[in-house]
Amino acid sequence: MQRGLFIVIEGIDGTGKSTQARRLAEWLVAHGREVVLSREPTDGPWGAQLRASAATGRLSPEDELRYFLNDRRQHVAETISPALAAGKVVILDRYYFSTMAYQGARGFDPAEIRRLNEQFAPVPDLLLILDIDVNMALQRIGSRGDSANAFEQRENLQRCREIFLSLKDEPFTRVIDSSGTPDEVGARLRQTVQDGQP
């Protein structure tokens, strides 16, 4: 049986994570792999409350972090670990690195957030950080018809980007320039995954 492969796609809002996660999943399926494509926050009870809070007003920093941890515990237990054990490829659109970035920008220590998560959450085989300038990210958020929510303010995104880029020297991390077209960025991702697979 092929061993499972765990790929996480991260980056600030507007970098194209959801589009690229879907395209990468389709490409891997076309190459014969069984793929589980998922996202965080999930659609489970904790994740649903977090998603709603983006529009209705953010939770307190402490509650927000607790909800993320609860959502992720459930996600790992019910989706991520079983899929990896079955030899599937798991592709996540956001994971605990986003919690490090976005809750880190609210004043929590990113290293402590990481420690709390890695007590139960598996480390990915590949962390693909899609990176663009904050001004371009905000242009993209605007061009899709959205107004920036509480998670997407300039100062917040700049701090989040800094936290994501602080992970660039991890052996499993690859930073991908996502300033090009979706096709160009997709080609970079596919090449990186090909190069990085065991």
N, C-alpha and C. Protein backbone atom coordinates (compact mmCIF):
# COMPACT_ATOMS: atom_id res chain seq x y z
N MET A 1 0.85 -1.20 0.00
CA MET A 1 0.00 0.00 0.00
C MET A 1 0.88 1.25 0.00
N GLN A 2 0.50 2.23 -0.84
CA GLN A 2 1.22 3.50 -0.80
C GLN A 2 1.03 4.16 0.56
N ARG A 3 2.10 4.80 1.03
CA ARG A 3 1.93 5.49 2.29
C ARG A 3 1.18 6.79 2.06
N GLY A 4 0.50 7.24 3.11
CA GLY A 4 -0.22 8.49 3.02
C GLY A 4 0.72 9.66 2.81
N LEU A 5 0.19 10.70 2.21
CA LEU A 5 0.96 11.92 1.97
C LEU A 5 0.11 13.09 2.46
N PHE A 6 0.70 13.92 3.30
CA PHE A 6 -0.03 15.00 3.94
C PHE A 6 0.50 16.33 3.45
N ILE A 7 -0.33 17.06 2.69
CA ILE A 7 0.05 18.34 2.09
C ILE A 7 -0.85 19.43 2.65
N VAL A 8 -0.24 20.49 3.14
CA VAL A 8 -0.99 21.63 3.67
C VAL A 8 -0.67 22.86 2.83
N ILE A 9 -1.72 23.57 2.42
CA ILE A 9 -1.57 24.80 1.65
C ILE A 9 -1.97 25.97 2.54
N GLU A 10 -1.04 26.90 2.72
CA GLU A 10 -1.24 28.03 3.62
C GLU A 10 -0.92 29.35 2.91
N GLY A 11 -1.22 30.43 3.59
CA GLY A 11 -0.93 31.77 3.09
C GLY A 11 -2.03 32.71 3.54
N ILE A 12 -1.76 34.00 3.39
CA ILE A 12 -2.76 34.98 3.79
C ILE A 12 -3.95 34.93 2.83
N ASP A 13 -5.05 35.57 3.20
CA ASP A 13 -6.22 35.64 2.34
C ASP A 13 -5.85 36.30 1.02
N GLY A 14 -6.43 35.80 -0.06
CA GLY A 14 -6.18 36.38 -1.37
C GLY A 14 -5.04 35.73 -2.15
N THR A 15 -4.41 34.70 -1.59
CA THR A 15 -3.29 34.06 -2.30
C THR A 15 -3.74 32.94 -3.22
N GLY A 16 -5.03 32.56 -3.16
CA GLY A 16 -5.53 31.53 -4.07
C GLY A 16 -5.47 30.12 -3.52
N LYS A 17 -5.44 29.97 -2.21
CA LYS A 17 -5.30 28.65 -1.59
C LYS A 17 -6.38 27.66 -2.01
N SER A 18 -7.63 28.09 -1.94
CA SER A 18 -8.74 27.15 -2.22
C SER A 18 -8.70 26.68 -3.66
N THR A 19 -8.45 27.60 -4.59
CA THR A 19 -8.34 27.24 -6.01
C THR A 19 -7.21 26.25 -6.22
N GLN A 20 -6.05 26.52 -5.65
CA GLN A 20 -4.88 25.68 -5.87
C GLN A 20 -5.02 24.32 -5.17
N ALA A 21 -5.65 24.31 -4.00
CA ALA A 21 -5.88 23.03 -3.32
C ALA A 21 -6.75 22.12 -4.19
N ARG A 22 -7.80 22.69 -4.76
CA ARG A 22 -8.70 21.91 -5.61
C ARG A 22 -7.98 21.41 -6.87
N ARG A 23 -7.20 22.29 -7.50
CA ARG A 23 -6.47 21.90 -8.72
C ARG A 23 -5.44 20.82 -8.43
N LEU A 24 -4.74 20.96 -7.30
CA LEU A 24 -3.73 19.96 -6.94
C LEU A 24 -4.39 18.61 -6.67
N ALA A 25 -5.53 18.63 -6.01
CA ALA A 25 -6.26 17.38 -5.75
C ALA A 25 -6.65 16.71 -7.06
N GLU A 26 -7.18 17.49 -8.00
CA GLU A 26 -7.60 16.93 -9.30
C GLU A 26 -6.41 16.33 -10.04
N TRP A 27 -5.26 17.00 -9.98
CA TRP A 27 -4.05 16.50 -10.65
C TRP A 27 -3.58 15.19 -10.04
N LEU A 28 -3.59 15.10 -8.71
CA LEU A 28 -3.15 13.87 -8.05
C LEU A 28 -4.11 12.71 -8.32
N VAL A 29 -5.40 13.00 -8.36
CA VAL A 29 -6.38 11.96 -8.70
C VAL A 29 -6.12 11.45 -10.12
N ALA A 30 -5.84 12.38 -11.04
CA ALA A 30 -5.55 12.00 -12.43
C ALA A 30 -4.30 11.14 -12.52
N HIS A 31 -3.42 11.23 -11.49
CA HIS A 31 -2.20 10.42 -11.45
C HIS A 31 -2.36 9.19 -10.55
N GLY A 32 -3.60 8.84 -10.27
CA GLY A 32 -3.87 7.56 -9.62
C GLY A 32 -3.89 7.54 -8.11
N ARG A 33 -3.80 8.72 -7.48
CA ARG A 33 -3.83 8.74 -6.01
C ARG A 33 -5.25 8.95 -5.50
N GLU A 34 -5.53 8.34 -4.37
CA GLU A 34 -6.79 8.64 -3.66
C GLU A 34 -6.55 9.88 -2.82
N VAL A 35 -7.40 10.87 -2.97
CA VAL A 35 -7.17 12.16 -2.34
C VAL A 35 -8.36 12.55 -1.46
N VAL A 36 -8.05 13.04 -0.28
CA VAL A 36 -9.05 13.68 0.59
C VAL A 36 -8.70 15.16 0.62
N LEU A 37 -9.60 15.98 0.10
CA LEU A 37 -9.42 17.43 0.09
C LEU A 37 -10.29 18.02 1.19
N SER A 38 -9.68 18.74 2.11
CA SER A 38 -10.45 19.29 3.22
C SER A 38 -9.95 20.70 3.53
N ARG A 39 -10.58 21.33 4.50
CA ARG A 39 -10.22 22.71 4.84
C ARG A 39 -10.45 22.95 6.33
N GLU A 40 -9.82 23.99 6.81
CA GLU A 40 -10.06 24.45 8.18
C GLU A 40 -10.31 25.96 8.14
N PRO A 41 -11.21 26.47 8.98
CA PRO A 41 -12.10 25.70 9.84
C PRO A 41 -12.96 24.74 9.02
N THR A 42 -13.36 23.63 9.64
CA THR A 42 -14.17 22.63 8.97
C THR A 42 -15.63 23.08 8.97
N ASP A 43 -16.48 22.21 8.44
CA ASP A 43 -17.92 22.47 8.49
C ASP A 43 -18.56 21.83 9.72
N GLY A 44 -17.72 21.32 10.63
CA GLY A 44 -18.24 20.73 11.87
C GLY A 44 -18.76 21.81 12.81
N PRO A 45 -19.24 21.41 13.99
CA PRO A 45 -19.87 22.37 14.90
C PRO A 45 -18.96 23.51 15.34
N TRP A 46 -17.70 23.21 15.63
CA TRP A 46 -16.78 24.27 16.06
C TRP A 46 -16.39 25.15 14.88
N GLY A 47 -16.10 24.51 13.74
CA GLY A 47 -15.71 25.25 12.56
C GLY A 47 -16.81 26.16 12.04
N ALA A 48 -18.05 25.67 12.12
CA ALA A 48 -19.19 26.48 11.64
C ALA A 48 -19.30 27.77 12.45
N GLN A 49 -19.07 27.66 13.75
CA GLN A 49 -19.14 28.86 14.59
C GLN A 49 -18.01 29.84 14.26
N LEU A 50 -16.83 29.30 13.94
CA LEU A 50 -15.71 30.16 13.55
C LEU A 50 -16.00 30.86 12.22
N ARG A 51 -16.55 30.13 11.27
CA ARG A 51 -16.86 30.74 9.96
C ARG A 51 -17.90 31.84 10.13
N ALA A 52 -18.90 31.57 10.96
CA ALA A 52 -19.95 32.57 11.18
C ALA A 52 -19.36 33.83 11.82
N SER A 53 -18.36 33.65 12.68
CA SER A 53 -17.80 34.79 13.41
C SER A 53 -17.07 35.77 12.49
N ALA A 54 -16.63 35.30 11.31
CA ALA A 54 -15.95 36.19 10.38
C ALA A 54 -16.91 37.28 9.89
N ALA A 55 -18.20 36.94 9.85
CA ALA A 55 -19.20 37.90 9.37
C ALA A 55 -19.92 38.62 10.51
N THR A 56 -20.12 37.91 11.63
CA THR A 56 -20.96 38.45 12.70
C THR A 56 -20.17 39.16 13.79
N GLY A 57 -18.85 39.07 13.74
CA GLY A 57 -18.02 39.69 14.77
C GLY A 57 -17.16 38.63 15.44
N ARG A 58 -15.87 38.89 15.54
CA ARG A 58 -14.95 37.88 16.05
C ARG A 58 -15.22 37.54 17.50
N LEU A 59 -14.95 36.28 17.82
CA LEU A 59 -15.00 35.82 19.20
C LEU A 59 -13.87 36.47 19.98
N SER A 60 -13.91 36.34 21.29
CA SER A 60 -12.77 36.80 22.08
C SER A 60 -11.54 36.00 21.65
N PRO A 61 -10.34 36.56 21.81
CA PRO A 61 -9.14 35.82 21.40
C PRO A 61 -9.06 34.43 22.04
N GLU A 62 -9.41 34.35 23.32
CA GLU A 62 -9.32 33.06 24.03
C GLU A 62 -10.31 32.05 23.48
N ASP A 63 -11.56 32.50 23.25
CA ASP A 63 -12.58 31.59 22.71
C ASP A 63 -12.23 31.17 21.29
N GLU A 64 -11.74 32.12 20.50
CA GLU A 64 -11.39 31.81 19.11
C GLU A 64 -10.33 30.72 19.07
N LEU A 65 -9.28 30.86 19.86
CA LEU A 65 -8.23 29.86 19.88
C LEU A 65 -8.78 28.50 20.34
N ARG A 66 -9.63 28.53 21.36
CA ARG A 66 -10.20 27.27 21.88
C ARG A 66 -11.05 26.58 20.81
N TYR A 67 -11.84 27.36 20.08
CA TYR A 67 -12.69 26.79 19.03
C TYR A 67 -11.82 26.16 17.93
N PHE A 68 -10.74 26.86 17.56
CA PHE A 68 -9.85 26.29 16.54
C PHE A 68 -9.25 24.97 17.01
N LEU A 69 -8.81 24.91 18.24
CA LEU A 69 -8.21 23.67 18.76
C LEU A 69 -9.24 22.54 18.80
N ASN A 70 -10.45 22.85 19.23
CA ASN A 70 -11.50 21.82 19.28
C ASN A 70 -11.86 21.33 17.88
N ASP A 71 -11.98 22.27 16.94
CA ASP A 71 -12.30 21.92 15.56
C ASP A 71 -11.21 21.02 14.98
N ARG A 72 -9.96 21.36 15.26
CA ARG A 72 -8.84 20.60 14.69
C ARG A 72 -8.74 19.21 15.32
N ARG A 73 -8.96 19.10 16.60
CA ARG A 73 -8.93 17.78 17.24
C ARG A 73 -9.90 16.83 16.55
N GLN A 74 -11.12 17.33 16.33
CA GLN A 74 -12.15 16.52 15.67
C GLN A 74 -11.73 16.18 14.23
N HIS A 75 -11.17 17.16 13.54
CA HIS A 75 -10.73 16.97 12.15
C HIS A 75 -9.63 15.90 12.06
N VAL A 76 -8.65 15.99 12.95
CA VAL A 76 -7.56 15.01 12.96
C VAL A 76 -8.12 13.61 13.24
N ALA A 77 -8.97 13.51 14.23
CA ALA A 77 -9.48 12.19 14.65
C ALA A 77 -10.39 11.56 13.60
N GLU A 78 -11.23 12.38 12.98
CA GLU A 78 -12.28 11.82 12.11
C GLU A 78 -11.90 11.80 10.63
N THR A 79 -10.98 12.66 10.21
CA THR A 79 -10.68 12.78 8.78
C THR A 79 -9.20 12.56 8.46
N ILE A 80 -8.33 13.37 9.07
CA ILE A 80 -6.93 13.38 8.64
C ILE A 80 -6.22 12.06 8.96
N SER A 81 -6.23 11.65 10.22
CA SER A 81 -5.49 10.44 10.60
C SER A 81 -6.01 9.18 9.91
N PRO A 82 -7.34 8.96 9.83
CA PRO A 82 -7.82 7.77 9.13
C PRO A 82 -7.42 7.74 7.65
N ALA A 83 -7.47 8.90 6.98
CA ALA A 83 -7.12 8.95 5.56
C ALA A 83 -5.64 8.64 5.35
N LEU A 84 -4.78 9.21 6.19
CA LEU A 84 -3.34 8.94 6.06
C LEU A 84 -3.04 7.48 6.36
N ALA A 85 -3.72 6.92 7.35
CA ALA A 85 -3.52 5.50 7.70
C ALA A 85 -3.94 4.58 6.56
N ALA A 86 -4.89 5.05 5.74
CA ALA A 86 -5.37 4.25 4.60
C ALA A 86 -4.53 4.49 3.34
N GLY A 87 -3.45 5.27 3.47
CA GLY A 87 -2.56 5.49 2.35
C GLY A 87 -3.00 6.56 1.37
N LYS A 88 -3.94 7.40 1.77
CA LYS A 88 -4.46 8.44 0.89
C LYS A 88 -3.61 9.71 0.99
N VAL A 89 -3.78 10.57 -0.01
CA VAL A 89 -3.19 11.90 0.05
C VAL A 89 -4.21 12.82 0.71
N VAL A 90 -3.80 13.53 1.74
CA VAL A 90 -4.66 14.52 2.38
C VAL A 90 -4.13 15.90 1.99
N ILE A 91 -5.01 16.72 1.41
CA ILE A 91 -4.67 18.10 1.08
C ILE A 91 -5.56 19.01 1.91
N LEU A 92 -4.93 19.86 2.71
CA LEU A 92 -5.69 20.79 3.55
C LEU A 92 -5.51 22.21 3.09
N ASP A 93 -6.63 22.91 2.99
CA ASP A 93 -6.68 24.36 2.77
C ASP A 93 -6.74 24.98 4.17
N ARG A 94 -5.60 25.36 4.69
CA ARG A 94 -5.36 25.88 6.05
C ARG A 94 -5.25 24.73 7.08
N TYR A 95 -4.40 25.03 8.09
CA TYR A 95 -4.16 24.07 9.18
C TYR A 95 -3.67 24.88 10.37
N TYR A 96 -2.90 24.27 11.26
CA TYR A 96 -2.56 25.00 12.48
C TYR A 96 -1.57 26.15 12.24
N PHE A 97 -0.94 26.18 11.08
CA PHE A 97 -0.06 27.31 10.76
C PHE A 97 -0.88 28.59 10.60
N SER A 98 -2.11 28.46 10.10
CA SER A 98 -3.00 29.62 10.05
C SER A 98 -3.37 30.09 11.44
N THR A 99 -3.56 29.15 12.36
CA THR A 99 -3.86 29.54 13.74
C THR A 99 -2.66 30.28 14.33
N MET A 100 -1.45 29.78 14.05
CA MET A 100 -0.25 30.48 14.50
C MET A 100 -0.23 31.91 13.96
N ALA A 101 -0.60 32.07 12.67
CA ALA A 101 -0.52 33.39 12.04
C ALA A 101 -1.63 34.32 12.51
N TYR A 102 -2.87 33.87 12.40
CA TYR A 102 -4.00 34.77 12.66
C TYR A 102 -4.23 35.00 14.16
N GLN A 103 -4.03 33.96 14.96
CA GLN A 103 -4.15 34.19 16.40
C GLN A 103 -2.85 34.79 16.95
N GLY A 104 -1.74 34.51 16.28
CA GLY A 104 -0.49 35.18 16.64
C GLY A 104 -0.61 36.68 16.43
N ALA A 105 -1.32 37.07 15.35
CA ALA A 105 -1.53 38.49 15.08
C ALA A 105 -2.44 39.14 16.12
N ARG A 106 -3.18 38.32 16.87
CA ARG A 106 -4.04 38.85 17.94
C ARG A 106 -3.31 38.89 19.28
N GLY A 107 -2.05 38.50 19.28
CA GLY A 107 -1.27 38.65 20.49
C GLY A 107 -0.80 37.36 21.14
N PHE A 108 -1.28 36.20 20.65
CA PHE A 108 -0.80 34.94 21.21
C PHE A 108 0.60 34.63 20.67
N ASP A 109 1.34 33.82 21.40
CA ASP A 109 2.68 33.41 21.00
C ASP A 109 2.56 32.30 19.95
N PRO A 110 2.99 32.55 18.69
CA PRO A 110 2.87 31.51 17.66
C PRO A 110 3.55 30.20 18.05
N ALA A 111 4.68 30.28 18.74
CA ALA A 111 5.40 29.06 19.13
C ALA A 111 4.58 28.24 20.12
N GLU A 112 3.87 28.91 21.01
CA GLU A 112 3.02 28.20 21.97
C GLU A 112 1.81 27.58 21.27
N ILE A 113 1.25 28.30 20.31
CA ILE A 113 0.14 27.73 19.52
C ILE A 113 0.61 26.47 18.80
N ARG A 114 1.80 26.55 18.23
CA ARG A 114 2.33 25.37 17.54
C ARG A 114 2.50 24.19 18.50
N ARG A 115 3.05 24.48 19.66
CA ARG A 115 3.26 23.41 20.65
C ARG A 115 1.95 22.75 21.03
N LEU A 116 0.92 23.55 21.29
CA LEU A 116 -0.39 23.01 21.66
C LEU A 116 -0.96 22.12 20.56
N ASN A 117 -0.80 22.54 19.32
CA ASN A 117 -1.34 21.77 18.20
C ASN A 117 -0.57 20.49 17.95
N GLU A 118 0.76 20.56 18.04
CA GLU A 118 1.55 19.39 17.70
C GLU A 118 1.50 18.31 18.77
N GLN A 119 0.80 18.59 19.86
CA GLN A 119 0.53 17.53 20.83
C GLN A 119 -0.45 16.50 20.27
N PHE A 120 -1.26 16.90 19.29
CA PHE A 120 -2.26 15.97 18.74
C PHE A 120 -2.36 16.00 17.21
N ALA A 121 -1.84 17.05 16.58
CA ALA A 121 -2.02 17.23 15.14
C ALA A 121 -0.74 16.82 14.40
N PRO A 122 -0.85 15.91 13.43
CA PRO A 122 0.36 15.47 12.72
C PRO A 122 0.99 16.60 11.91
N VAL A 123 2.32 16.58 11.86
CA VAL A 123 3.06 17.55 11.06
C VAL A 123 2.96 17.13 9.59
N PRO A 124 2.73 18.08 8.66
CA PRO A 124 2.60 17.68 7.26
C PRO A 124 3.91 17.22 6.65
N ASP A 125 3.79 16.45 5.57
CA ASP A 125 4.97 16.10 4.76
C ASP A 125 5.43 17.31 3.97
N LEU A 126 4.47 18.11 3.50
CA LEU A 126 4.78 19.30 2.73
C LEU A 126 3.88 20.44 3.18
N LEU A 127 4.49 21.55 3.54
CA LEU A 127 3.75 22.78 3.82
C LEU A 127 4.05 23.75 2.69
N LEU A 128 3.03 24.04 1.89
CA LEU A 128 3.18 24.94 0.75
C LEU A 128 2.60 26.29 1.12
N ILE A 129 3.47 27.28 1.30
CA ILE A 129 3.02 28.62 1.67
C ILE A 129 2.92 29.47 0.41
N LEU A 130 1.69 29.82 0.04
CA LEU A 130 1.48 30.71 -1.10
C LEU A 130 1.72 32.13 -0.62
N ASP A 131 2.60 32.83 -1.29
CA ASP A 131 3.02 34.14 -0.79
C ASP A 131 2.85 35.22 -1.84
N ILE A 132 2.17 36.31 -1.43
CA ILE A 132 2.13 37.52 -2.25
C ILE A 132 2.17 38.73 -1.33
N ASP A 133 2.46 39.86 -1.95
CA ASP A 133 2.45 41.14 -1.26
C ASP A 133 1.03 41.44 -0.74
N VAL A 134 0.95 42.05 0.43
CA VAL A 134 -0.35 42.33 1.05
C VAL A 134 -1.22 43.22 0.17
N ASN A 135 -0.63 44.19 -0.53
CA ASN A 135 -1.42 45.05 -1.41
C ASN A 135 -2.11 44.25 -2.50
N MET A 136 -1.39 43.29 -3.09
CA MET A 136 -1.98 42.44 -4.12
C MET A 136 -3.07 41.55 -3.52
N ALA A 137 -2.82 41.04 -2.32
CA ALA A 137 -3.83 40.21 -1.65
C ALA A 137 -5.13 40.99 -1.46
N LEU A 138 -5.02 42.22 -1.00
CA LEU A 138 -6.21 43.05 -0.78
C LEU A 138 -6.91 43.38 -2.10
N GLN A 139 -6.14 43.58 -3.17
CA GLN A 139 -6.75 43.79 -4.49
C GLN A 139 -7.56 42.58 -4.91
N ARG A 140 -7.01 41.39 -4.68
CA ARG A 140 -7.71 40.16 -5.06
C ARG A 140 -8.97 39.97 -4.23
N ILE A 141 -8.88 40.26 -2.93
CA ILE A 141 -10.07 40.14 -2.08
C ILE A 141 -11.16 41.07 -2.59
N GLY A 142 -10.77 42.30 -2.97
CA GLY A 142 -11.73 43.25 -3.50
C GLY A 142 -12.29 42.84 -4.85
N SER A 143 -11.43 42.25 -5.70
CA SER A 143 -11.86 41.92 -7.06
C SER A 143 -12.81 40.73 -7.09
N ARG A 144 -12.84 39.93 -6.02
CA ARG A 144 -13.80 38.82 -6.00
C ARG A 144 -15.15 39.27 -5.41
N GLY A 145 -15.27 40.59 -5.21
CA GLY A 145 -16.56 41.12 -4.76
C GLY A 145 -16.73 41.14 -3.26
N ASP A 146 -15.66 40.79 -2.53
CA ASP A 146 -15.73 40.77 -1.07
C ASP A 146 -15.17 42.07 -0.51
N SER A 147 -15.66 42.45 0.64
CA SER A 147 -14.96 43.49 1.39
C SER A 147 -14.17 42.78 2.48
N ALA A 148 -13.02 43.32 2.82
CA ALA A 148 -12.15 42.66 3.79
C ALA A 148 -12.86 42.54 5.13
N ASN A 149 -12.91 41.31 5.66
CA ASN A 149 -13.51 41.11 6.99
C ASN A 149 -12.46 41.33 8.06
N ALA A 150 -12.83 41.02 9.30
CA ALA A 150 -11.94 41.32 10.43
C ALA A 150 -10.60 40.57 10.33
N PHE A 151 -10.60 39.42 9.63
CA PHE A 151 -9.37 38.65 9.49
C PHE A 151 -8.47 39.23 8.40
N GLU A 152 -9.02 40.14 7.59
CA GLU A 152 -8.35 40.54 6.35
C GLU A 152 -7.90 42.01 6.32
N GLN A 153 -7.80 42.66 7.44
CA GLN A 153 -7.34 44.05 7.46
C GLN A 153 -5.83 44.09 7.17
N ARG A 154 -5.38 45.18 6.55
CA ARG A 154 -3.99 45.27 6.07
C ARG A 154 -2.96 44.95 7.15
N GLU A 155 -3.07 45.61 8.29
CA GLU A 155 -2.07 45.42 9.34
C GLU A 155 -2.07 43.97 9.82
N ASN A 156 -3.27 43.40 9.95
CA ASN A 156 -3.41 42.01 10.37
C ASN A 156 -2.77 41.07 9.35
N LEU A 157 -3.05 41.31 8.05
CA LEU A 157 -2.49 40.45 7.02
C LEU A 157 -0.97 40.55 6.96
N GLN A 158 -0.44 41.74 7.18
CA GLN A 158 1.02 41.91 7.14
C GLN A 158 1.67 41.09 8.25
N ARG A 159 1.11 41.15 9.44
CA ARG A 159 1.65 40.36 10.56
C ARG A 159 1.51 38.86 10.28
N CYS A 160 0.37 38.47 9.72
CA CYS A 160 0.16 37.05 9.39
C CYS A 160 1.19 36.58 8.37
N ARG A 161 1.43 37.42 7.35
CA ARG A 161 2.41 37.05 6.33
C ARG A 161 3.79 36.85 6.97
N GLU A 162 4.16 37.74 7.88
CA GLU A 162 5.46 37.61 8.55
C GLU A 162 5.56 36.29 9.31
N ILE A 163 4.47 35.90 9.97
CA ILE A 163 4.49 34.64 10.74
C ILE A 163 4.59 33.45 9.79
N PHE A 164 3.83 33.47 8.69
CA PHE A 164 3.95 32.38 7.71
C PHE A 164 5.39 32.28 7.19
N LEU A 165 5.99 33.41 6.82
CA LEU A 165 7.33 33.38 6.25
C LEU A 165 8.40 32.99 7.28
N SER A 166 8.07 33.12 8.56
CA SER A 166 9.02 32.68 9.60
C SER A 166 9.19 31.16 9.58
N LEU A 167 8.30 30.45 8.88
CA LEU A 167 8.37 28.99 8.79
C LEU A 167 9.18 28.51 7.58
N LYS A 168 9.75 29.44 6.82
CA LYS A 168 10.35 29.08 5.53
C LYS A 168 11.55 28.15 5.64
N ASP A 169 12.21 28.12 6.79
CA ASP A 169 13.40 27.28 6.93
C ASP A 169 13.10 25.89 7.47
N GLU A 170 11.83 25.61 7.75
CA GLU A 170 11.47 24.25 8.18
C GLU A 170 11.75 23.29 7.02
N PRO A 171 12.23 22.07 7.30
CA PRO A 171 12.58 21.16 6.20
C PRO A 171 11.39 20.77 5.31
N PHE A 172 10.18 20.85 5.85
CA PHE A 172 9.00 20.44 5.07
C PHE A 172 8.31 21.62 4.38
N THR A 173 8.85 22.83 4.50
CA THR A 173 8.19 24.04 3.98
C THR A 173 8.75 24.44 2.62
N ARG A 174 7.85 24.82 1.72
CA ARG A 174 8.23 25.43 0.44
C ARG A 174 7.39 26.70 0.29
N VAL A 175 8.04 27.82 0.00
CA VAL A 175 7.32 29.07 -0.25
C VAL A 175 7.13 29.21 -1.75
N ILE A 176 5.89 29.41 -2.17
CA ILE A 176 5.53 29.48 -3.58
C ILE A 176 5.07 30.90 -3.90
N ASP A 177 5.68 31.52 -4.90
CA ASP A 177 5.24 32.84 -5.36
C ASP A 177 3.87 32.67 -6.02
N SER A 178 2.85 33.30 -5.45
CA SER A 178 1.50 33.14 -6.00
C SER A 178 1.00 34.41 -6.67
N SER A 179 1.95 35.22 -7.18
CA SER A 179 1.56 36.47 -7.81
C SER A 179 1.16 36.29 -9.27
N GLY A 180 1.37 35.12 -9.85
CA GLY A 180 1.04 34.90 -11.25
C GLY A 180 -0.40 34.48 -11.46
N THR A 181 -0.68 33.98 -12.66
CA THR A 181 -2.02 33.48 -12.97
C THR A 181 -2.25 32.16 -12.22
N PRO A 182 -3.51 31.75 -12.08
CA PRO A 182 -3.77 30.45 -11.45
C PRO A 182 -3.02 29.31 -12.12
N ASP A 183 -2.90 29.34 -13.45
CA ASP A 183 -2.18 28.28 -14.17
C ASP A 183 -0.70 28.29 -13.82
N GLU A 184 -0.12 29.48 -13.75
CA GLU A 184 1.31 29.58 -13.43
C GLU A 184 1.58 29.09 -12.01
N VAL A 185 0.74 29.52 -11.08
CA VAL A 185 0.92 29.10 -9.68
C VAL A 185 0.69 27.60 -9.55
N GLY A 186 -0.31 27.09 -10.25
CA GLY A 186 -0.59 25.65 -10.22
C GLY A 186 0.58 24.83 -10.71
N ALA A 187 1.24 25.31 -11.77
CA ALA A 187 2.41 24.60 -12.30
C ALA A 187 3.54 24.58 -11.26
N ARG A 188 3.72 25.70 -10.56
CA ARG A 188 4.76 25.74 -9.51
C ARG A 188 4.44 24.73 -8.40
N LEU A 189 3.17 24.66 -8.02
CA LEU A 189 2.78 23.73 -6.96
C LEU A 189 3.00 22.28 -7.37
N ARG A 190 2.58 21.96 -8.58
CA ARG A 190 2.72 20.57 -9.05
C ARG A 190 4.19 20.17 -9.09
N GLN A 191 5.04 21.07 -9.58
CA GLN A 191 6.47 20.77 -9.64
C GLN A 191 7.04 20.57 -8.24
N THR A 192 6.61 21.40 -7.31
CA THR A 192 7.10 21.30 -5.94
C THR A 192 6.68 19.98 -5.31
N VAL A 193 5.42 19.58 -5.55
CA VAL A 193 4.94 18.31 -4.99
C VAL A 193 5.69 17.14 -5.62
N GLN A 194 5.92 17.19 -6.93
CA GLN A 194 6.68 16.14 -7.59
C GLN A 194 8.08 16.03 -6.99
N ASP A 195 8.71 17.17 -6.78
CA ASP A 195 10.08 17.19 -6.24
C ASP A 195 10.12 16.72 -4.78
N GLY A 196 9.01 16.99 -4.05
CA GLY A 196 9.03 16.75 -2.61
C GLY A 196 8.46 15.43 -2.17
N GLN A 197 7.89 14.64 -3.11
CA GLN A 197 7.28 13.38 -2.69
C GLN A 197 8.35 12.35 -2.35
N PRO A 198 8.09 11.54 -1.34
CA PRO A 198 9.05 10.50 -0.98
C PRO A 198 9.10 9.40 -2.02
